[in-house]
PDB file of N, CA and C in Angstrom:
ATOM      1  N   MET A   1      68.730 -23.991  52.252  1.00  0.00           N
ATOM      2  CA  MET A   1      69.074 -23.973  50.848  1.00  0.00           C
ATOM      3  C   MET A   1      69.942 -22.726  50.690  1.00  0.00           C
ATOM      4  N   LEU A   2      70.982 -22.885  49.849  1.00  0.00           N
ATOM      5  CA  LEU A   2      71.860 -21.778  49.552  1.00  0.00           C
ATOM      6  C   LEU A   2      71.199 -20.769  48.593  1.00  0.00           C
ATOM      7  N   PRO A   3      71.561 -19.504  48.664  1.00  0.00           N
ATOM      8  CA  PRO A   3      70.938 -18.520  47.815  1.00  0.00           C
ATOM      9  C   PRO A   3      70.916 -18.843  46.314  1.00  0.00           C
ATOM     10  N   ALA A   4      72.070 -19.300  45.798  1.00  0.00           N
ATOM     11  CA  ALA A   4      72.124 -19.667  44.372  1.00  0.00           C
ATOM     12  C   ALA A   4      71.142 -20.774  44.022  1.00  0.00           C
ATOM     13  N   ALA A   5      70.999 -21.768  44.879  1.00  0.00           N
ATOM     14  CA  ALA A   5      70.045 -22.820  44.634  1.00  0.00           C
ATOM     15  C   ALA A   5      68.587 -22.301  44.746  1.00  0.00           C
ATOM     16  N   LEU A   6      68.331 -21.433  45.664  1.00  0.00           N
ATOM     17  CA  LEU A   6      67.006 -20.831  45.804  1.00  0.00           C
ATOM     18  C   LEU A   6      66.655 -20.006  44.599  1.00  0.00           C
ATOM     19  N   ARG A   7      67.635 -19.211  44.057  1.00  0.00           N
ATOM     20  CA  ARG A   7      67.344 -18.471  42.808  1.00  0.00           C
ATOM     21  C   ARG A   7      66.990 -19.368  41.670  1.00  0.00           C
ATOM     22  N   GLU A   8      67.691 -20.514  41.582  1.00  0.00           N
ATOM     23  CA  GLU A   8      67.399 -21.443  40.474  1.00  0.00           C
ATOM     24  C   GLU A   8      66.080 -22.039  40.621  1.00  0.00           C
ATOM     25  N   VAL A   9      65.595 -22.458  41.828  1.00  0.00           N
ATOM     26  CA  VAL A   9      64.266 -22.974  42.031  1.00  0.00           C
ATOM     27  C   VAL A   9      63.223 -21.919  41.730  1.00  0.00           C
ATOM     28  N   THR A  10      63.451 -20.701  42.227  1.00  0.00           N
ATOM     29  CA  THR A  10      62.483 -19.596  41.950  1.00  0.00           C
ATOM     30  C   THR A  10      62.364 -19.332  40.473  1.00  0.00           C
ATOM     31  N   ARG A  11      63.402 -19.369  39.762  1.00  0.00           N
ATOM     32  CA  ARG A  11      63.399 -19.078  38.347  1.00  0.00           C
ATOM     33  C   ARG A  11      62.455 -20.029  37.529  1.00  0.00           C
ATOM     34  N   HIS A  12      62.228 -21.174  38.087  1.00  0.00           N
ATOM     35  CA  HIS A  12      61.340 -22.191  37.369  1.00  0.00           C
ATOM     36  C   HIS A  12      59.871 -22.089  37.842  1.00  0.00           C
ATOM     37  N   ALA A  13      59.532 -21.264  38.736  1.00  0.00           N
ATOM     38  CA  ALA A  13      58.167 -21.106  39.215  1.00  0.00           C
ATOM     39  C   ALA A  13      57.286 -20.491  38.169  1.00  0.00           C
ATOM     40  N   ALA A  14      56.043 -20.931  38.117  1.00  0.00           N
ATOM     41  CA  ALA A  14      55.112 -20.251  37.230  1.00  0.00           C
ATOM     42  C   ALA A  14      54.499 -19.009  37.832  1.00  0.00           C
ATOM     43  N   VAL A  15      54.249 -19.080  39.142  1.00  0.00           N
ATOM     44  CA  VAL A  15      53.692 -17.914  39.857  1.00  0.00           C
ATOM     45  C   VAL A  15      54.239 -17.896  41.306  1.00  0.00           C
ATOM     46  N   GLY A  16      54.440 -16.709  41.782  1.00  0.00           N
ATOM     47  CA  GLY A  16      54.830 -16.564  43.195  1.00  0.00           C
ATOM     48  C   GLY A  16      53.594 -16.424  44.068  1.00  0.00           C
ATOM     49  N   ILE A  17      53.630 -16.963  45.243  1.00  0.00           N
ATOM     50  CA  ILE A  17      52.467 -16.873  46.188  1.00  0.00           C
ATOM     51  C   ILE A  17      52.963 -16.416  47.526  1.00  0.00           C
ATOM     52  N   MET A  18      52.443 -15.250  47.930  1.00  0.00           N
ATOM     53  CA  MET A  18      52.767 -14.679  49.247  1.00  0.00           C
ATOM     54  C   MET A  18      51.467 -14.436  50.006  1.00  0.00           C
ATOM     55  N   LEU A  19      51.187 -15.389  50.846  1.00  0.00           N
ATOM     56  CA  LEU A  19      49.896 -15.407  51.560  1.00  0.00           C
ATOM     57  C   LEU A  19      50.205 -15.447  53.069  1.00  0.00           C
ATOM     58  N   LEU A  20      49.700 -14.475  53.802  1.00  0.00           N
ATOM     59  CA  LEU A  20      49.869 -14.381  55.191  1.00  0.00           C
ATOM     60  C   LEU A  20      48.515 -14.150  55.879  1.00  0.00           C
ATOM     61  N   GLU A  21      48.343 -14.713  57.033  1.00  0.00           N
ATOM     62  CA  GLU A  21      47.184 -14.409  57.873  1.00  0.00           C
ATOM     63  C   GLU A  21      47.416 -13.138  58.613  1.00  0.00           C
ATOM     64  N   ASN A  22      46.429 -12.340  58.790  1.00  0.00           N
ATOM     65  CA  ASN A  22      46.518 -11.152  59.563  1.00  0.00           C
ATOM     66  C   ASN A  22      46.408 -11.433  61.054  1.00  0.00           C
ATOM     67  N   ILE A  23      47.550 -11.920  61.623  1.00  0.00           N
ATOM     68  CA  ILE A  23      47.477 -12.342  63.050  1.00  0.00           C
ATOM     69  C   ILE A  23      48.214 -11.307  63.886  1.00  0.00           C
ATOM     70  N   GLY A  24      48.517 -10.181  63.392  1.00  0.00           N
ATOM     71  CA  GLY A  24      49.102  -9.079  64.122  1.00  0.00           C
ATOM     72  C   GLY A  24      49.697  -8.061  63.256  1.00  0.00           C
ATOM     73  N   LEU A  25      50.047  -6.889  63.830  1.00  0.00           N
ATOM     74  CA  LEU A  25      50.493  -5.781  63.023  1.00  0.00           C
ATOM     75  C   LEU A  25      51.840  -6.154  62.288  1.00  0.00           C
ATOM     76  N   SER A  26      52.700  -6.956  62.919  1.00  0.00           N
ATOM     77  CA  SER A  26      53.963  -7.314  62.234  1.00  0.00           C
ATOM     78  C   SER A  26      53.725  -8.098  61.016  1.00  0.00           C
ATOM     79  N   TYR A  27      52.676  -8.909  60.938  1.00  0.00           N
ATOM     80  CA  TYR A  27      52.312  -9.619  59.699  1.00  0.00           C
ATOM     81  C   TYR A  27      51.689  -8.670  58.691  1.00  0.00           C
ATOM     82  N   TYR A  28      50.770  -7.831  59.198  1.00  0.00           N
ATOM     83  CA  TYR A  28      49.949  -6.956  58.320  1.00  0.00           C
ATOM     84  C   TYR A  28      50.864  -5.981  57.597  1.00  0.00           C
ATOM     85  N   TYR A  29      51.925  -5.528  58.297  1.00  0.00           N
ATOM     86  CA  TYR A  29      52.807  -4.485  57.676  1.00  0.00           C
ATOM     87  C   TYR A  29      54.135  -5.163  57.150  1.00  0.00           C
ATOM     88  N   SER A  30      54.139  -6.436  57.041  1.00  0.00           N
ATOM     89  CA  SER A  30      55.435  -7.089  56.669  1.00  0.00           C
ATOM     90  C   SER A  30      55.647  -6.981  55.134  1.00  0.00           C
ATOM     91  N   LEU A  31      56.827  -7.200  54.721  1.00  0.00           N
ATOM     92  CA  LEU A  31      57.187  -7.318  53.304  1.00  0.00           C
ATOM     93  C   LEU A  31      58.321  -8.358  53.164  1.00  0.00           C
ATOM     94  N   ALA A  32      57.967  -9.499  52.604  1.00  0.00           N
ATOM     95  CA  ALA A  32      58.921 -10.586  52.543  1.00  0.00           C
ATOM     96  C   ALA A  32      59.905 -10.338  51.429  1.00  0.00           C
ATOM     97  N   ASN A  33      61.177 -10.796  51.674  1.00  0.00           N
ATOM     98  CA  ASN A  33      62.225 -10.736  50.650  1.00  0.00           C
ATOM     99  C   ASN A  33      61.780 -11.528  49.444  1.00  0.00           C
ATOM    100  N   LYS A  34      61.034 -12.545  49.600  1.00  0.00           N
ATOM    101  CA  LYS A  34      60.562 -13.395  48.518  1.00  0.00           C
ATOM    102  C   LYS A  34      59.858 -12.529  47.430  1.00  0.00           C
ATOM    103  N   PHE A  35      59.163 -11.561  47.877  1.00  0.00           N
ATOM    104  CA  PHE A  35      58.509 -10.642  46.883  1.00  0.00           C
ATOM    105  C   PHE A  35      59.502 -10.133  45.878  1.00  0.00           C
ATOM    106  N   PHE A  36      60.606  -9.656  46.357  1.00  0.00           N
ATOM    107  CA  PHE A  36      61.665  -9.179  45.425  1.00  0.00           C
ATOM    108  C   PHE A  36      62.313 -10.318  44.619  1.00  0.00           C
ATOM    109  N   ASP A  37      62.450 -11.492  45.253  1.00  0.00           N
ATOM    110  CA  ASP A  37      62.973 -12.609  44.472  1.00  0.00           C
ATOM    111  C   ASP A  37      62.132 -12.916  43.230  1.00  0.00           C
ATOM    112  N   TYR A  38      60.843 -12.889  43.420  1.00  0.00           N
ATOM    113  CA  TYR A  38      59.903 -13.166  42.361  1.00  0.00           C
ATOM    114  C   TYR A  38      59.973 -12.053  41.262  1.00  0.00           C
ATOM    115  N   VAL A  39      60.015 -10.825  41.679  1.00  0.00           N
ATOM    116  CA  VAL A  39      60.149  -9.677  40.826  1.00  0.00           C
ATOM    117  C   VAL A  39      61.376  -9.855  39.919  1.00  0.00           C
ATOM    118  N   HIS A  40      62.495 -10.127  40.643  1.00  0.00           N
ATOM    119  CA  HIS A  40      63.768 -10.240  39.882  1.00  0.00           C
ATOM    120  C   HIS A  40      63.734 -11.429  38.923  1.00  0.00           C
ATOM    121  N   ALA A  41      63.004 -12.431  39.180  1.00  0.00           N
ATOM    122  CA  ALA A  41      62.881 -13.627  38.327  1.00  0.00           C
ATOM    123  C   ALA A  41      61.862 -13.425  37.198  1.00  0.00           C
ATOM    124  N   GLY A  42      61.153 -12.265  37.269  1.00  0.00           N
ATOM    125  CA  GLY A  42      60.125 -12.044  36.266  1.00  0.00           C
ATOM    126  C   GLY A  42      58.889 -12.848  36.384  1.00  0.00           C
ATOM    127  N   ILE A  43      58.592 -13.236  37.648  1.00  0.00           N
ATOM    128  CA  ILE A  43      57.427 -14.087  37.919  1.00  0.00           C
ATOM    129  C   ILE A  43      56.315 -13.372  38.600  1.00  0.00           C
ATOM    130  N   PRO A  44      55.103 -13.282  37.935  1.00  0.00           N
ATOM    131  CA  PRO A  44      53.929 -12.676  38.583  1.00  0.00           C
ATOM    132  C   PRO A  44      53.610 -13.369  39.845  1.00  0.00           C
ATOM    133  N   GLN A  45      52.908 -12.634  40.711  1.00  0.00           N
ATOM    134  CA  GLN A  45      52.551 -13.145  42.069  1.00  0.00           C
ATOM    135  C   GLN A  45      51.095 -12.990  42.393  1.00  0.00           C
ATOM    136  N   VAL A  46      50.658 -13.835  43.336  1.00  0.00           N
ATOM    137  CA  VAL A  46      49.430 -13.667  43.980  1.00  0.00           C
ATOM    138  C   VAL A  46      49.781 -13.274  45.437  1.00  0.00           C
ATOM    139  N   LEU A  47      49.311 -12.122  45.810  1.00  0.00           N
ATOM    140  CA  LEU A  47      49.688 -11.546  47.126  1.00  0.00           C
ATOM    141  C   LEU A  47      48.419 -11.244  47.990  1.00  0.00           C
ATOM    142  N   ILE A  48      48.596 -11.398  49.247  1.00  0.00           N
ATOM    143  CA  ILE A  48      47.526 -10.957  50.194  1.00  0.00           C
ATOM    144  C   ILE A  48      47.519  -9.471  50.112  1.00  0.00           C
ATOM    145  N   ASP A  49      46.371  -8.869  50.176  1.00  0.00           N
ATOM    146  CA  ASP A  49      46.245  -7.380  50.058  1.00  0.00           C
ATOM    147  C   ASP A  49      46.545  -6.692  51.414  1.00  0.00           C
ATOM    148  N   PHE A  50      47.839  -6.670  51.734  1.00  0.00           N
ATOM    149  CA  PHE A  50      48.359  -5.988  52.923  1.00  0.00           C
ATOM    150  C   PHE A  50      49.001  -4.684  52.395  1.00  0.00           C
ATOM    151  N   PRO A  51      49.127  -3.669  53.244  1.00  0.00           N
ATOM    152  CA  PRO A  51      49.582  -2.360  52.784  1.00  0.00           C
ATOM    153  C   PRO A  51      50.873  -2.253  52.014  1.00  0.00           C
ATOM    154  N   GLU A  52      51.898  -2.928  52.452  1.00  0.00           N
ATOM    155  CA  GLU A  52      53.180  -2.810  51.694  1.00  0.00           C
ATOM    156  C   GLU A  52      53.114  -3.498  50.328  1.00  0.00           C
ATOM    157  N   TYR A  53      52.458  -4.667  50.281  1.00  0.00           N
ATOM    158  CA  TYR A  53      52.259  -5.288  48.953  1.00  0.00           C
ATOM    159  C   TYR A  53      51.379  -4.419  48.047  1.00  0.00           C
ATOM    160  N   ARG A  54      50.368  -3.849  48.585  1.00  0.00           N
ATOM    161  CA  ARG A  54      49.453  -3.017  47.786  1.00  0.00           C
ATOM    162  C   ARG A  54      50.241  -1.788  47.227  1.00  0.00           C
ATOM    163  N   ALA A  55      51.025  -1.204  48.084  1.00  0.00           N
ATOM    164  CA  ALA A  55      51.814   0.025  47.724  1.00  0.00           C
ATOM    165  C   ALA A  55      52.760  -0.323  46.503  1.00  0.00           C
ATOM    166  N   LEU A  56      53.489  -1.460  46.653  1.00  0.00           N
ATOM    167  CA  LEU A  56      54.413  -1.830  45.544  1.00  0.00           C
ATOM    168  C   LEU A  56      53.672  -2.214  44.324  1.00  0.00           C
ATOM    169  N   ASN A  57      52.528  -2.928  44.496  1.00  0.00           N
ATOM    170  CA  ASN A  57      51.782  -3.278  43.331  1.00  0.00           C
ATOM    171  C   ASN A  57      51.161  -2.078  42.597  1.00  0.00           C
ATOM    172  N   GLU A  58      50.699  -1.138  43.369  1.00  0.00           N
ATOM    173  CA  GLU A  58      50.189   0.080  42.755  1.00  0.00           C
ATOM    174  C   GLU A  58      51.242   0.828  41.919  1.00  0.00           C
ATOM    175  N   GLN A  59      52.440   0.673  42.372  1.00  0.00           N
ATOM    176  CA  GLN A  59      53.638   1.327  41.689  1.00  0.00           C
ATOM    177  C   GLN A  59      54.047   0.535  40.462  1.00  0.00           C
ATOM    178  N   PHE A  60      54.088  -0.769  40.642  1.00  0.00           N
ATOM    179  CA  PHE A  60      54.703  -1.649  39.539  1.00  0.00           C
ATOM    180  C   PHE A  60      53.813  -2.609  38.882  1.00  0.00           C
ATOM    181  N   ASP A  61      52.596  -2.910  39.387  1.00  0.00           N
ATOM    182  CA  ASP A  61      51.689  -3.789  38.789  1.00  0.00           C
ATOM    183  C   ASP A  61      52.357  -5.131  38.442  1.00  0.00           C
ATOM    184  N   VAL A  62      52.693  -5.882  39.456  1.00  0.00           N
ATOM    185  CA  VAL A  62      53.457  -7.150  39.297  1.00  0.00           C
ATOM    186  C   VAL A  62      52.670  -8.353  39.878  1.00  0.00           C
ATOM    187  N   ALA A  63      51.435  -8.130  40.357  1.00  0.00           N
ATOM    188  CA  ALA A  63      50.732  -9.207  41.057  1.00  0.00           C
ATOM    189  C   ALA A  63      49.238  -8.991  40.997  1.00  0.00           C
ATOM    190  N   GLU A  64      48.538 -10.107  41.421  1.00  0.00           N
ATOM    191  CA  GLU A  64      47.170 -10.127  41.682  1.00  0.00           C
ATOM    192  C   GLU A  64      47.054 -10.018  43.202  1.00  0.00           C
ATOM    193  N   LEU A  65      46.280  -9.099  43.699  1.00  0.00           N
ATOM    194  CA  LEU A  65      46.050  -8.987  45.174  1.00  0.00           C
ATOM    195  C   LEU A  65      44.763  -9.718  45.521  1.00  0.00           C
ATOM    196  N   VAL A  66      44.820 -10.415  46.611  1.00  0.00           N
ATOM    197  CA  VAL A  66      43.622 -11.101  47.066  1.00  0.00           C
ATOM    198  C   VAL A  66      43.228 -10.577  48.442  1.00  0.00           C
ATOM    199  N   PRO A  67      41.935 -10.395  48.664  1.00  0.00           N
ATOM    200  CA  PRO A  67      41.435  -9.814  49.915  1.00  0.00           C
ATOM    201  C   PRO A  67      41.371 -10.795  51.087  1.00  0.00           C
ATOM    202  N   ASP A  68      41.422 -12.082  50.802  1.00  0.00           N
ATOM    203  CA  ASP A  68      41.344 -13.062  51.847  1.00  0.00           C
ATOM    204  C   ASP A  68      42.002 -14.376  51.408  1.00  0.00           C
ATOM    205  N   LEU A  69      42.016 -15.332  52.281  1.00  0.00           N
ATOM    206  CA  LEU A  69      42.673 -16.583  51.969  1.00  0.00           C
ATOM    207  C   LEU A  69      41.691 -17.781  51.764  1.00  0.00           C
ATOM    208  N   HIS A  70      40.462 -17.443  51.391  1.00  0.00           N
ATOM    209  CA  HIS A  70      39.483 -18.484  51.093  1.00  0.00           C
ATOM    210  C   HIS A  70      39.926 -19.195  49.831  1.00  0.00           C
ATOM    211  N   PRO A  71      39.790 -20.505  49.792  1.00  0.00           N
ATOM    212  CA  PRO A  71      40.158 -21.292  48.606  1.00  0.00           C
ATOM    213  C   PRO A  71      39.584 -20.787  47.319  1.00  0.00           C
ATOM    214  N   ASP A  72      38.333 -20.377  47.307  1.00  0.00           N
ATOM    215  CA  ASP A  72      37.749 -19.875  46.021  1.00  0.00           C
ATOM    216  C   ASP A  72      38.417 -18.593  45.531  1.00  0.00           C
ATOM    217  N   THR A  73      38.749 -17.768  46.491  1.00  0.00           N
ATOM    218  CA  THR A  73      39.419 -16.502  46.123  1.00  0.00           C
ATOM    219  C   THR A  73      40.786 -16.765  45.527  1.00  0.00           C
ATOM    220  N   LEU A  74      41.562 -17.724  46.195  1.00  0.00           N
ATOM    221  CA  LEU A  74      42.887 -18.011  45.657  1.00  0.00           C
ATOM    222  C   LEU A  74      42.787 -18.781  44.316  1.00  0.00           C
ATOM    223  N   ALA A  75      41.787 -19.639  44.172  1.00  0.00           N
ATOM    224  CA  ALA A  75      41.652 -20.337  42.897  1.00  0.00           C
ATOM    225  C   ALA A  75      41.364 -19.343  41.773  1.00  0.00           C
ATOM    226  N   ARG A  76      40.453 -18.399  42.024  1.00  0.00           N
ATOM    227  CA  ARG A  76      40.155 -17.371  40.994  1.00  0.00           C
ATOM    228  C   ARG A  76      41.382 -16.584  40.566  1.00  0.00           C
ATOM    229  N   ALA A  77      42.208 -16.180  41.583  1.00  0.00           N
ATOM    230  CA  ALA A  77      43.414 -15.397  41.216  1.00  0.00           C
ATOM    231  C   ALA A  77      44.412 -16.272  40.468  1.00  0.00           C
ATOM    232  N   LEU A  78      44.612 -17.438  40.887  1.00  0.00           N
ATOM    233  CA  LEU A  78      45.552 -18.315  40.195  1.00  0.00           C
ATOM    234  C   LEU A  78      45.095 -18.690  38.785  1.00  0.00           C
ATOM    235  N   ASN A  79      43.771 -18.961  38.670  1.00  0.00           N
ATOM    236  CA  ASN A  79      43.268 -19.350  37.351  1.00  0.00           C
ATOM    237  C   ASN A  79      43.311 -18.144  36.422  1.00  0.00           C
ATOM    238  N   ARG A  80      43.100 -16.935  36.933  1.00  0.00           N
ATOM    239  CA  ARG A  80      43.216 -15.745  36.121  1.00  0.00           C
ATOM    240  C   ARG A  80      44.612 -15.660  35.453  1.00  0.00           C
ATOM    241  N   LEU A  81      45.576 -15.895  36.313  1.00  0.00           N
ATOM    242  CA  LEU A  81      46.963 -15.746  35.793  1.00  0.00           C
ATOM    243  C   LEU A  81      47.389 -16.960  34.973  1.00  0.00           C
ATOM    244  N   LEU A  82      47.067 -18.111  35.415  1.00  0.00           N
ATOM    245  CA  LEU A  82      47.618 -19.360  34.782  1.00  0.00           C
ATOM    246  C   LEU A  82      46.815 -19.962  33.722  1.00  0.00           C
ATOM    247  N   ARG A  83      45.525 -19.590  33.601  1.00  0.00           N
ATOM    248  CA  ARG A  83      44.686 -20.256  32.610  1.00  0.00           C
ATOM    249  C   ARG A  83      43.833 -19.238  31.818  1.00  0.00           C
ATOM    250  N   ASP A  84      43.133 -18.304  32.520  1.00  0.00           N
ATOM    251  CA  ASP A  84      42.083 -17.522  31.879  1.00  0.00           C
ATOM    252  C   ASP A  84      42.596 -16.273  31.114  1.00  0.00           C
ATOM    253  N   GLU A  85      43.609 -15.685  31.604  1.00  0.00           N
ATOM    254  CA  GLU A  85      44.101 -14.391  31.063  1.00  0.00           C
ATOM    255  C   GLU A  85      45.587 -14.402  30.787  1.00  0.00           C
ATOM    256  N   PRO A  86      46.014 -15.120  29.733  1.00  0.00           N
ATOM    257  CA  PRO A  86      47.472 -15.205  29.512  1.00  0.00           C
ATOM    258  C   PRO A  86      48.065 -13.817  29.206  1.00  0.00           C
ATOM    259  N   ALA A  87      47.310 -12.947  28.689  1.00  0.00           N
ATOM    260  CA  ALA A  87      47.847 -11.544  28.399  1.00  0.00           C
ATOM    261  C   ALA A  87      48.117 -10.829  29.731  1.00  0.00           C
ATOM    262  N   ARG A  88      47.265 -11.015  30.694  1.00  0.00           N
ATOM    263  CA  ARG A  88      47.485 -10.440  32.025  1.00  0.00           C
ATOM    264  C   ARG A  88      48.767 -10.954  32.627  1.00  0.00           C
ATOM    265  N   TYR A  89      48.941 -12.282  32.566  1.00  0.00           N
ATOM    266  CA  TYR A  89      50.156 -12.896  33.076  1.00  0.00           C
ATOM    267  C   TYR A  89      51.393 -12.303  32.374  1.00  0.00           C
ATOM    268  N   GLN A  90      51.359 -12.210  31.039  1.00  0.00           N
ATOM    269  CA  GLN A  90      52.515 -11.666  30.353  1.00  0.00           C
ATOM    270  C   GLN A  90      52.778 -10.198  30.716  1.00  0.00           C
ATOM    271  N   HIS A  91      51.718  -9.448  30.866  1.00  0.00           N
ATOM    272  CA  HIS A  91      51.845  -8.051  31.313  1.00  0.00           C
ATOM    273  C   HIS A  91      52.545  -7.944  32.682  1.00  0.00           C
ATOM    274  N   LEU A  92      52.052  -8.750  33.624  1.00  0.00           N
ATOM    275  CA  LEU A  92      52.708  -8.698  34.926  1.00  0.00           C
ATOM    276  C   LEU A  92      54.178  -9.126  34.872  1.00  0.00           C
ATOM    277  N   SER A  93      54.448 -10.157  34.093  1.00  0.00           N
ATOM    278  CA  SER A  93      55.785 -10.639  33.960  1.00  0.00           C
ATOM    279  C   SER A  93      56.699  -9.553  33.388  1.00  0.00           C
ATOM    280  N   GLU A  94      56.245  -8.839  32.377  1.00  0.00           N
ATOM    281  CA  GLU A  94      57.000  -7.743  31.784  1.00  0.00           C
ATOM    282  C   GLU A  94      57.260  -6.675  32.773  1.00  0.00           C
ATOM    283  N   ASN A  95      56.247  -6.379  33.609  1.00  0.00           N
ATOM    284  CA  ASN A  95      56.373  -5.344  34.583  1.00  0.00           C
ATOM    285  C   ASN A  95      57.364  -5.774  35.683  1.00  0.00           C
ATOM    286  N   CYS A  96      57.448  -7.026  36.003  1.00  0.00           N
ATOM    287  CA  CYS A  96      58.437  -7.583  36.923  1.00  0.00           C
ATOM    288  C   CYS A  96      59.844  -7.307  36.404  1.00  0.00           C
ATOM    289  N   ARG A  97      60.017  -7.541  35.118  1.00  0.00           N
ATOM    290  CA  ARG A  97      61.340  -7.357  34.599  1.00  0.00           C
ATOM    291  C   ARG A  97      61.759  -5.801  34.549  1.00  0.00           C
ATOM    292  N   ARG A  98      60.723  -4.970  34.337  1.00  0.00           N
ATOM    293  CA  ARG A  98      60.989  -3.549  34.289  1.00  0.00           C
ATOM    294  C   ARG A  98      61.281  -3.097  35.771  1.00  0.00           C
ATOM    295  N   ALA A  99      60.537  -3.552  36.703  1.00  0.00           N
ATOM    296  CA  ALA A  99      60.709  -3.164  38.095  1.00  0.00           C
ATOM    297  C   ALA A  99      62.117  -3.653  38.551  1.00  0.00           C
ATOM    298  N   ALA A 100      62.476  -4.851  38.117  1.00  0.00           N
ATOM    299  CA  ALA A 100      63.842  -5.388  38.574  1.00  0.00           C
ATOM    300  C   ALA A 100      64.917  -4.496  38.040  1.00  0.00           C
ATOM    301  N   ARG A 101      64.802  -3.963  36.868  1.00  0.00           N
ATOM    302  CA  ARG A 101      65.846  -3.095  36.369  1.00  0.00           C
ATOM    303  C   ARG A 101      65.921  -1.721  37.050  1.00  0.00           C
ATOM    304  N   SER A 102      64.840  -1.341  37.740  1.00  0.00           N
ATOM    305  CA  SER A 102      64.843  -0.074  38.454  1.00  0.00           C
ATOM    306  C   SER A 102      65.366  -0.250  39.859  1.00  0.00           C
ATOM    307  N   SER A 103      65.751   0.838  40.488  1.00  0.00           N
ATOM    308  CA  SER A 103      66.180   0.721  41.856  1.00  0.00           C
ATOM    309  C   SER A 103      65.096   0.239  42.792  1.00  0.00           C
ATOM    310  N   ALA A 104      63.833   0.499  42.411  1.00  0.00           N
ATOM    311  CA  ALA A 104      62.726   0.066  43.239  1.00  0.00           C
ATOM    312  C   ALA A 104      62.418  -1.425  43.138  1.00  0.00           C
ATOM    313  N   GLY A 105      63.056  -2.075  42.187  1.00  0.00           N
ATOM    314  CA  GLY A 105      62.937  -3.525  42.148  1.00  0.00           C
ATOM    315  C   GLY A 105      63.628  -4.167  43.351  1.00  0.00           C
ATOM    316  N   SER A 106      64.518  -3.476  43.973  1.00  0.00           N
ATOM    317  CA  SER A 106      65.303  -3.958  45.152  1.00  0.00           C
ATOM    318  C   SER A 106      64.797  -3.357  46.406  1.00  0.00           C
ATOM    319  N   THR A 107      64.314  -2.060  46.332  1.00  0.00           N
ATOM    320  CA  THR A 107      63.892  -1.403  47.564  1.00  0.00           C
ATOM    321  C   THR A 107      62.947  -0.307  47.182  1.00  0.00           C
ATOM    322  N   ARG A 108      62.098   0.059  48.073  1.00  0.00           N
ATOM    323  CA  ARG A 108      61.082   1.127  47.806  1.00  0.00           C
ATOM    324  C   ARG A 108      61.751   2.480  47.897  1.00  0.00           C
ATOM    325  N   LYS A 109      62.787   2.704  48.693  1.00  0.00           N
ATOM    326  CA  LYS A 109      63.416   3.998  48.824  1.00  0.00           C
ATOM    327  C   LYS A 109      64.107   4.354  47.536  1.00  0.00           C
ATOM    328  N   GLY A 110      63.967   5.584  47.038  1.00  0.00           N
ATOM    329  CA  GLY A 110      64.631   6.023  45.851  1.00  0.00           C
ATOM    330  C   GLY A 110      64.014   5.409  44.617  1.00  0.00           C
ATOM    331  N   ALA A 111      62.707   5.119  44.697  1.00  0.00           N
ATOM    332  CA  ALA A 111      62.029   4.433  43.606  1.00  0.00           C
ATOM    333  C   ALA A 111      62.042   5.173  42.317  1.00  0.00           C
ATOM    334  N   ALA A 112      62.218   4.472  41.266  1.00  0.00           N
ATOM    335  CA  ALA A 112      62.187   5.045  39.917  1.00  0.00           C
ATOM    336  C   ALA A 112      60.738   5.290  39.557  1.00  0.00           C
ATOM    337  N   ALA A 113      60.541   5.766  38.324  1.00  0.00           N
ATOM    338  CA  ALA A 113      59.180   6.016  37.827  1.00  0.00           C
ATOM    339  C   ALA A 113      58.400   4.720  37.812  1.00  0.00           C
ATOM    340  N   PRO A 114      57.036   4.827  38.078  1.00  0.00           N
ATOM    341  CA  PRO A 114      56.262   3.644  38.103  1.00  0.00           C
ATOM    342  C   PRO A 114      56.121   2.981  36.657  1.00  0.00           C
ATOM    343  N   VAL A 115      55.906   1.690  36.686  1.00  0.00           N
ATOM    344  CA  VAL A 115      55.722   0.957  35.442  1.00  0.00           C
ATOM    345  C   VAL A 115      54.257   1.183  35.016  1.00  0.00           C
ATOM    346  N   GLN A 116      54.070   1.370  33.719  1.00  0.00           N
ATOM    347  CA  GLN A 116      52.702   1.572  33.175  1.00  0.00           C
ATOM    348  C   GLN A 116      52.171   0.281  32.611  1.00  0.00           C
TER     349      GLN A 116
END
């Protein structure tokens, strides 16, 4: 898929999902480009609680972190955002837009002030 088409598809998502199994250090310390795609699209995410995602989320509060990949855990996180707490979803979406406007919305180096 071409980047422009991918941006269009991403823009229509309700929530971004970044879930990886901890099958090695390269996964545990990874940071997918898709994270930034969702931030730039203003889309809250459900992320596995790995160090790089946690660090960015502590700075910008753009996602729900999940400790494991159990179906009940994922359902709780998704339902919180999509059904149970619309104000939380809106808050995360606004934080995505703020983060995207900062230099840290593209990269962690030279990060701007955290989003409150």
